[in-house]
Amino acid sequence: MPLRSCVFAIKGNSLDDGPGIRSVVFFKGCPLSCAWCHNPEGMRPGPELAWDEEACVTGCTRCLEACPEGAILVQDGPPGPVRRAGTGVPGRWPGTMLSSRPPGPVLNVSARFRERLTSFRNRVTGRTKSRSRSASAGIVQKEEQGRHVGKQAPRVLVDRARCTRCGLCADACPSGALSRVGQEMTAGDILAAILPDRPFFDRSGGGVTLSGGEPTSQMNSAGELARRLKRAGIHVLLETCGLFRLEAFDRVLYPHLDLVYFDIKLMDTGKHERWCGTGNKTILRNFVEIYQRACTGGVAVLPRVPLVPGITDTEENLSAIATFLRDNGVAQVVLMPYNPLWPAKRRRLGMPPPAGWVPPSHWMTRDRMAACRSHFHGIQVDE
């Protein structure tokens, strides 16, 4: 039986994930839980459900009718007791929810909303625009807003404790407000999606980038994909957090790689555990091992440092990373500026905000980037 990967997106025509024009395969699942993760849809293994509140159309109940588990609720009005839609039975507000707002009473939709469906169907034709998706498995990107009418507009809520992630509600959703995140695919499925872009790889010196999430969390299926890409003569790049079993990596994935982008976030293991969920000893040990191989003819390795205000961009941390790189003979590093767009993704996935930290909502300035670069004297710094 062919190996299957859980992939949340396949992005073509990428210019930011390695040399040339590339296709990027985003694997689900990661051993880290970085507070600032720019792709939170890749953190959890397995398929998920995302909900874009701004795209949810007032008066629609198609998702509620499609859900076989009773996991869809509809909330209307100010905060109050929760009642599961269509039952009239009091229920406990789910601890993990798709809406970040407090609940109001849940409507019995069997009569009231059905009366609205006719007018809704007439309205939606002129108001629902095409929406962009990532390989039909990713989070819906917002292209229009303001679908809710009035302060008391009903909102869909999903009880994740009941949800089995069957995706029937997303299939029934006419506006794309509910979407599947994650799709099981074989290496053959992924190749079929990628190979039409082969002429762009060949002309630009590009190829395929394995990203995520963390591709090594699905080591065997990622290795099978890399093997088939390598056999086809396509350049293969791995983006990794570095937390993997080196023995399995060497056996399954490493022989099929052309380049590794290796992220180094925090040098202090206590802070790494605080902000990323686990210590960094294995990560640093793996970096030293595969970088030393690169120096003697092995797969090329390029370290990258994500710059997160107040966490990874401190003078103490950047100076420690620079010292570590110099001690290991590293001549080049990539500094990745902070991206403030990720909190909206967490909300759509029903993930709570990071504890003990208010994420900055602004991009890094040129002056701040220059200050970060100054710690890496003697090392070529790219952005």
Protein backbone atom coordinates (compact mmCIF):
# COMPACT_ATOMS: atom_id res chain seq x y z
CA MET A 1 0.00 0.00 0.00
CA PRO A 2 1.54 3.36 -0.98
CA LEU A 3 2.67 5.72 1.76
CA ARG A 4 0.42 8.73 2.31
CA SER A 5 1.36 12.22 3.51
CA CYS A 6 -0.95 14.72 5.17
CA VAL A 7 -0.37 17.93 3.21
CA PHE A 8 -2.08 21.24 3.86
CA ALA A 9 -0.96 23.06 0.71
CA ILE A 10 1.02 22.80 -2.50
CA LYS A 11 2.17 26.24 -3.59
CA GLY A 12 3.42 26.76 -7.11
CA ASN A 13 5.45 29.60 -8.61
CA SER A 14 7.28 30.34 -5.34
CA LEU A 15 10.31 32.64 -5.40
CA ASP A 16 10.92 32.73 -1.62
CA ASP A 17 11.63 29.11 -0.70
CA GLY A 18 14.92 28.37 -2.40
CA PRO A 19 16.71 29.03 -5.71
CA GLY A 20 14.74 29.56 -8.89
CA ILE A 21 11.01 29.04 -9.36
CA ARG A 22 9.77 26.34 -7.02
CA SER A 23 6.76 24.35 -5.92
CA VAL A 24 6.45 24.06 -2.14
CA VAL A 25 4.82 21.06 -0.45
CA PHE A 26 3.58 21.88 3.05
CA PHE A 27 3.43 18.87 5.38
CA LYS A 28 1.24 18.84 8.48
CA GLY A 29 2.61 18.15 11.93
CA CYS A 30 5.57 19.64 13.82
CA PRO A 31 7.43 18.56 17.00
CA LEU A 32 7.77 22.23 18.02
CA SER A 33 5.00 24.58 19.12
CA CYS A 34 6.57 27.97 18.45
CA ALA A 35 4.44 30.79 19.83
CA TRP A 36 4.92 32.84 16.65
CA CYS A 37 4.55 30.04 14.07
CA HIS A 38 3.81 31.63 10.70
CA ASN A 39 2.10 28.44 9.47
CA PRO A 40 -0.03 27.33 12.44
CA GLU A 41 -2.09 25.21 10.06
CA GLY A 42 0.96 22.94 9.89
CA MET A 43 1.45 22.48 13.63
CA ARG A 44 -1.06 19.70 14.30
CA PRO A 45 -0.90 16.34 12.53
CA GLY A 46 -3.91 15.21 10.57
CA PRO A 47 -6.75 17.07 8.85
CA GLU A 48 -8.44 20.02 10.56
CA LEU A 49 -11.32 22.40 10.02
CA ALA A 50 -10.89 26.15 9.64
CA TRP A 51 -13.57 28.81 9.86
CA ASP A 52 -13.32 32.32 8.39
CA GLU A 53 -15.86 34.37 10.33
CA GLU A 54 -15.77 37.25 7.86
CA ALA A 55 -16.88 34.97 5.03
CA CYS A 56 -19.74 33.33 6.93
CA VAL A 57 -23.03 34.32 5.32
CA THR A 58 -25.87 35.46 7.56
CA GLY A 59 -28.86 33.15 7.47
CA CYS A 60 -27.14 30.13 5.94
CA THR A 61 -27.52 26.78 7.74
CA ARG A 62 -26.10 24.38 5.17
CA CYS A 63 -23.21 23.39 7.43
CA LEU A 64 -25.57 22.66 10.31
CA GLU A 65 -27.73 20.47 8.10
CA ALA A 66 -24.68 18.62 6.74
CA CYS A 67 -23.01 17.81 10.09
CA PRO A 68 -23.83 14.24 11.21
CA GLU A 69 -22.31 14.74 14.69
CA GLY A 70 -24.27 17.75 15.94
CA ALA A 71 -20.98 19.67 16.21
CA ILE A 72 -22.26 22.82 14.50
CA LEU A 73 -23.87 25.48 16.69
CA VAL A 74 -25.34 28.85 15.78
CA GLN A 75 -24.97 31.80 18.14
CA ASP A 76 -27.07 34.93 18.17
CA GLY A 77 -27.24 37.93 20.47
CA PRO A 78 -25.28 38.90 23.59
CA PRO A 79 -23.45 36.41 25.84
CA GLY A 80 -25.76 33.91 27.47
CA PRO A 81 -26.35 30.20 28.05
CA VAL A 82 -25.42 27.86 25.21
CA ARG A 83 -28.00 25.66 23.54
CA ARG A 84 -27.18 23.23 20.80
CA ALA A 85 -28.93 24.18 17.58
CA GLY A 86 -32.16 22.33 16.87
CA THR A 87 -32.31 20.54 20.25
CA GLY A 88 -33.29 23.11 22.87
CA VAL A 89 -31.00 21.24 25.27
CA PRO A 90 -28.58 23.29 27.39
CA GLY A 91 -24.99 22.51 26.54
CA ARG A 92 -21.50 23.29 27.80
CA TRP A 93 -19.59 25.88 25.79
CA PRO A 94 -16.70 24.01 24.15
CA GLY A 95 -13.30 24.97 25.51
CA THR A 96 -11.80 25.00 22.02
CA MET A 97 -13.89 26.87 19.53
CA LEU A 98 -13.61 28.53 16.18
CA SER A 99 -14.92 31.88 17.42
CA SER A 100 -12.83 33.88 19.86
CA ARG A 101 -15.88 35.81 21.10
CA PRO A 102 -18.01 34.77 24.12
CA PRO A 103 -21.15 32.83 23.25
CA GLY A 104 -24.72 34.01 23.20
CA PRO A 105 -27.82 31.82 23.12
CA VAL A 106 -27.83 29.26 20.34
CA LEU A 107 -30.86 29.41 18.08
CA ASN A 108 -33.23 26.64 17.20
CA VAL A 109 -32.76 26.97 13.49
CA SER A 110 -35.32 24.49 12.26
CA ALA A 111 -37.95 27.20 11.62
CA ARG A 112 -36.38 30.66 11.82
CA PHE A 113 -33.38 30.10 9.56
CA ARG A 114 -35.19 28.02 7.02
CA GLU A 115 -37.44 31.01 6.38
CA ARG A 116 -34.34 33.03 5.52
CA LEU A 117 -32.83 30.54 3.11
CA THR A 118 -34.81 31.73 0.10
CA SER A 119 -33.66 35.34 0.48
CA PHE A 120 -30.14 34.14 1.26
CA ARG A 121 -29.91 32.11 -1.93
CA ASN A 122 -31.03 35.14 -3.90
CA ARG A 123 -28.42 37.36 -2.23
CA VAL A 124 -25.45 35.02 -2.26
CA THR A 125 -25.23 34.80 -6.06
CA GLY A 126 -24.26 38.43 -6.32
CA ARG A 127 -22.11 38.59 -3.22
CA THR A 128 -20.03 35.41 -3.22
CA LYS A 129 -16.78 35.90 -5.09
CA SER A 130 -14.31 33.22 -6.06
CA ARG A 131 -11.89 32.46 -3.26
CA SER A 132 -8.27 31.45 -3.34
CA ARG A 133 -7.31 28.12 -1.75
CA SER A 134 -3.97 26.41 -1.18
CA ALA A 135 -4.12 23.09 -3.06
CA SER A 136 -7.82 22.74 -2.06
CA ALA A 137 -6.56 21.74 1.40
CA GLY A 138 -5.46 25.05 2.91
CA ILE A 139 -7.06 27.87 4.79
CA VAL A 140 -9.32 30.17 2.77
CA GLN A 141 -7.65 33.49 2.11
CA LYS A 142 -9.85 36.50 2.78
CA GLU A 143 -10.75 38.40 -0.37
CA GLU A 144 -13.88 40.17 0.87
CA GLN A 145 -15.35 41.09 4.22
CA GLY A 146 -18.49 42.39 5.86
CA ARG A 147 -20.88 39.52 5.19
CA HIS A 148 -22.51 39.86 8.65
CA VAL A 149 -25.46 42.23 8.81
CA GLY A 150 -26.13 44.00 12.14
CA LYS A 151 -24.72 43.44 15.60
CA GLN A 152 -27.00 40.46 16.27
CA ALA A 153 -26.04 38.51 13.14
CA PRO A 154 -25.92 34.76 13.88
CA ARG A 155 -22.51 33.07 13.74
CA VAL A 156 -21.51 29.48 13.19
CA LEU A 157 -19.62 27.86 16.05
CA VAL A 158 -17.95 24.46 15.95
CA ASP A 159 -17.68 22.17 18.95
CA ARG A 160 -14.27 20.63 18.32
CA ALA A 161 -14.84 17.99 20.97
CA ARG A 162 -17.65 16.56 18.83
CA CYS A 163 -16.18 17.33 15.41
CA THR A 164 -14.73 14.27 13.65
CA ARG A 165 -13.21 16.39 10.83
CA CYS A 166 -15.19 14.55 8.17
CA GLY A 167 -15.36 17.78 6.15
CA LEU A 168 -19.03 17.47 5.17
CA CYS A 169 -19.77 20.94 6.54
CA ALA A 170 -16.96 22.43 4.44
CA ASP A 171 -18.28 20.65 1.36
CA ALA A 172 -21.70 22.16 1.99
CA CYS A 173 -20.45 25.70 2.73
CA PRO A 174 -21.30 27.94 -0.27
CA SER A 175 -18.92 30.80 0.63
CA GLY A 176 -15.82 28.87 1.67
CA ALA A 177 -16.06 30.12 5.25
CA LEU A 178 -15.55 26.54 6.44
CA SER A 179 -12.62 24.78 4.80
CA ARG A 180 -10.63 21.59 5.15
CA VAL A 181 -7.02 21.99 6.27
CA GLY A 182 -4.99 18.93 5.40
CA GLN A 183 -5.41 16.26 2.77
CA GLU A 184 -4.03 12.71 2.57
CA MET A 185 -1.94 12.34 -0.59
CA THR A 186 0.44 9.73 -1.98
CA ALA A 187 3.79 10.66 -3.52
CA GLY A 188 2.15 10.00 -6.90
CA ASP A 189 -0.66 12.45 -6.12
CA ILE A 190 1.83 15.15 -5.16
CA LEU A 191 3.98 14.52 -8.23
CA ALA A 192 0.93 14.82 -10.46
CA ALA A 193 0.26 18.26 -8.99
CA ILE A 194 3.88 19.37 -9.31
CA LEU A 195 5.17 18.01 -12.61
CA PRO A 196 3.24 20.44 -14.86
CA ASP A 197 5.62 23.10 -13.49
CA ARG A 198 8.72 21.14 -14.53
CA PRO A 199 9.55 23.54 -17.42
CA PHE A 200 9.74 26.44 -14.94
CA PHE A 201 12.10 24.47 -12.69
CA ASP A 202 14.36 23.62 -15.60
CA ARG A 203 14.54 27.14 -17.03
CA SER A 204 15.06 28.91 -13.67
CA GLY A 205 17.23 26.46 -11.77
CA GLY A 206 14.33 25.81 -9.39
CA GLY A 207 12.73 22.68 -8.03
CA VAL A 208 10.63 21.45 -5.13
CA THR A 209 10.81 22.54 -1.49
CA LEU A 210 9.57 20.31 1.33
CA SER A 211 8.18 22.57 4.04
CA GLY A 212 5.50 22.59 6.69
CA GLY A 213 4.89 22.12 9.51
CA GLU A 214 7.92 19.88 9.67
CA PRO A 215 8.49 17.43 6.79
CA THR A 216 10.62 15.13 8.95
CA SER A 217 7.59 14.51 11.18
CA GLN A 218 6.38 12.41 8.24
CA MET A 219 9.85 11.02 7.54
CA ASN A 220 8.95 7.96 5.46
CA SER A 221 6.44 9.64 3.17
CA ALA A 222 8.61 12.75 2.77
CA GLY A 223 11.55 10.49 1.97
CA GLU A 224 9.55 8.62 -0.66
CA LEU A 225 8.54 11.89 -2.31
CA ALA A 226 12.13 13.18 -2.23
CA ARG A 227 13.39 9.90 -3.71
CA ARG A 228 10.98 10.09 -6.63
CA LEU A 229 11.78 13.77 -7.23
CA LYS A 230 15.51 13.05 -7.21
CA ARG A 231 15.04 10.17 -9.62
CA ALA A 232 13.18 12.55 -11.93
CA GLY A 233 16.13 14.97 -11.85
CA ILE A 234 14.30 17.65 -9.85
CA HIS A 235 16.19 19.73 -7.27
CA VAL A 236 14.95 18.95 -3.73
CA LEU A 237 15.24 21.39 -0.81
CA LEU A 238 14.24 20.64 2.78
CA GLU A 239 13.13 23.36 5.23
CA THR A 240 13.48 21.97 8.75
CA CYS A 241 13.32 22.95 12.41
CA GLY A 242 16.09 20.40 13.00
CA LEU A 243 14.30 18.27 15.58
CA PHE A 244 14.47 14.75 14.16
CA ARG A 245 16.14 11.39 14.75
CA LEU A 246 19.38 11.62 12.80
CA GLU A 247 19.58 7.87 12.16
CA ALA A 248 16.19 7.78 10.43
CA PHE A 249 16.93 11.05 8.61
CA ASP A 250 20.19 9.65 7.22
CA ARG A 251 18.53 6.47 6.06
CA VAL A 252 15.29 7.80 4.58
CA LEU A 253 15.59 11.45 3.56
CA TYR A 254 19.16 12.79 3.51
CA PRO A 255 20.34 10.79 0.44
CA HIS A 256 17.70 12.45 -1.75
CA LEU A 257 18.32 16.09 -0.80
CA ASP A 258 20.22 18.82 -2.66
CA LEU A 259 19.94 21.60 -0.07
CA VAL A 260 18.80 22.03 3.55
CA TYR A 261 17.44 25.24 5.09
CA PHE A 262 17.96 24.74 8.84
CA ASP A 263 16.20 27.07 11.30
CA ILE A 264 17.97 28.15 14.49
CA LYS A 265 15.62 30.09 16.74
CA LEU A 266 16.98 30.41 20.28
CA MET A 267 20.33 29.41 21.78
CA ASP A 268 19.25 29.26 25.43
CA THR A 269 17.62 25.85 25.89
CA GLY A 270 15.34 27.10 28.68
CA LYS A 271 13.99 29.90 26.51
CA HIS A 272 13.70 27.50 23.60
CA GLU A 273 11.53 25.25 25.74
CA ARG A 274 9.48 28.24 26.91
CA TRP A 275 8.73 29.57 23.44
CA CYS A 276 8.98 26.46 21.25
CA GLY A 277 7.74 23.72 23.56
CA THR A 278 10.96 21.73 23.89
CA GLY A 279 14.70 22.20 24.40
CA ASN A 280 17.23 22.70 21.60
CA LYS A 281 20.07 20.26 22.34
CA THR A 282 19.07 17.76 19.65
CA ILE A 283 18.51 20.58 17.15
CA LEU A 284 21.96 22.09 17.66
CA ARG A 285 23.61 18.67 17.63
CA ASN A 286 21.90 17.80 14.34
CA PHE A 287 22.95 21.12 12.82
CA VAL A 288 26.60 20.63 13.72
CA GLU A 289 26.58 17.10 12.29
CA ILE A 290 25.01 17.84 8.92
CA TYR A 291 26.86 21.15 8.50
CA GLN A 292 30.20 19.42 9.02
CA ARG A 293 29.18 16.93 6.32
CA ALA A 294 28.41 19.87 4.02
CA CYS A 295 31.95 21.12 4.54
CA THR A 296 33.32 17.82 3.27
CA GLY A 297 31.15 17.39 0.18
CA GLY A 298 27.76 16.52 1.73
CA VAL A 299 24.41 18.18 1.17
CA ALA A 300 24.66 21.98 1.42
CA VAL A 301 23.16 23.51 4.58
CA LEU A 302 22.02 27.13 5.04
CA PRO A 303 21.06 28.26 8.57
CA ARG A 304 18.12 30.64 8.97
CA VAL A 305 17.11 32.76 11.97
CA PRO A 306 13.47 33.91 12.34
CA LEU A 307 13.41 37.36 13.91
CA VAL A 308 10.62 37.65 16.47
CA PRO A 309 10.49 40.97 18.36
CA GLY A 310 11.41 40.59 22.01
CA ILE A 311 12.05 36.84 21.73
CA THR A 312 14.59 35.83 19.08
CA ASP A 313 15.79 39.29 18.01
CA THR A 314 17.38 40.22 21.35
CA GLU A 315 21.02 41.21 21.50
CA GLU A 316 21.75 38.27 23.79
CA ASN A 317 20.21 35.68 21.49
CA LEU A 318 21.56 37.02 18.18
CA SER A 319 25.07 37.37 19.62
CA ALA A 320 24.90 33.77 20.89
CA ILE A 321 23.70 32.47 17.51
CA ALA A 322 26.44 34.40 15.70
CA THR A 323 29.09 32.95 18.02
CA PHE A 324 27.72 29.44 17.51
CA LEU A 325 27.82 29.84 13.73
CA ARG A 326 31.38 31.23 13.74
CA ASP A 327 32.56 28.42 16.00
CA ASN A 328 31.27 25.93 13.44
CA GLY A 329 32.77 27.70 10.44
CA VAL A 330 29.49 28.94 9.00
CA ALA A 331 29.99 31.65 6.38
CA GLN A 332 26.38 32.51 5.47
CA VAL A 333 23.08 32.97 7.31
CA VAL A 334 19.55 34.10 6.41
CA LEU A 335 17.66 36.46 8.72
CA MET A 336 13.89 36.16 8.27
CA PRO A 337 11.95 39.30 9.30
CA TYR A 338 8.90 38.94 11.51
CA ASN A 339 5.59 38.38 9.74
CA PRO A 340 2.57 39.73 11.72
CA LEU A 341 -0.14 37.95 9.72
CA TRP A 342 -0.17 34.60 11.55
CA PRO A 343 -2.58 35.41 14.46
CA ALA A 344 -5.56 35.44 12.07
CA LYS A 345 -4.68 31.91 10.96
CA ARG A 346 -4.69 30.71 14.57
CA ARG A 347 -8.14 32.18 15.12
CA ARG A 348 -9.54 30.40 12.07
CA LEU A 349 -8.22 27.11 13.43
CA GLY A 350 -9.70 27.67 16.89
CA MET A 351 -6.25 27.92 18.48
CA PRO A 352 -5.95 30.19 21.53
CA PRO A 353 -3.46 33.08 21.43
CA PRO A 354 0.02 32.35 22.84
CA ALA A 355 0.10 32.58 26.63
CA GLY A 356 2.07 35.38 28.26
CA TRP A 357 2.78 37.32 25.08
CA VAL A 358 1.04 39.97 23.02
CA PRO A 359 2.23 39.44 19.42
CA PRO A 360 3.37 42.60 17.62
CA SER A 361 1.02 43.66 14.84
CA HIS A 362 3.63 45.50 12.73
CA TRP A 363 6.35 44.52 10.30
CA MET A 364 10.01 45.01 11.22
CA THR A 365 11.56 48.30 10.17
CA ARG A 366 14.70 48.64 8.07
CA ASP A 367 16.53 50.11 11.05
CA ARG A 368 15.62 47.13 13.21
CA MET A 369 16.74 44.71 10.52
CA ALA A 370 20.06 46.57 10.23
CA ALA A 371 20.55 46.31 13.99
CA CYS A 372 19.97 42.55 13.82
CA ARG A 373 22.42 42.17 10.94
CA SER A 374 25.14 43.96 12.90
CA HIS A 375 25.60 40.98 15.23
CA PHE A 376 26.80 38.75 12.40
CA HIS A 377 30.03 40.50 11.43
CA GLY A 378 32.26 38.21 9.41
CA ILE A 379 29.26 36.22 8.18
CA GLN A 380 27.38 36.91 4.94
CA VAL A 381 23.82 37.87 5.88
CA ASP A 382 20.91 37.40 3.47
CA GLU A 383 17.25 38.25 3.94
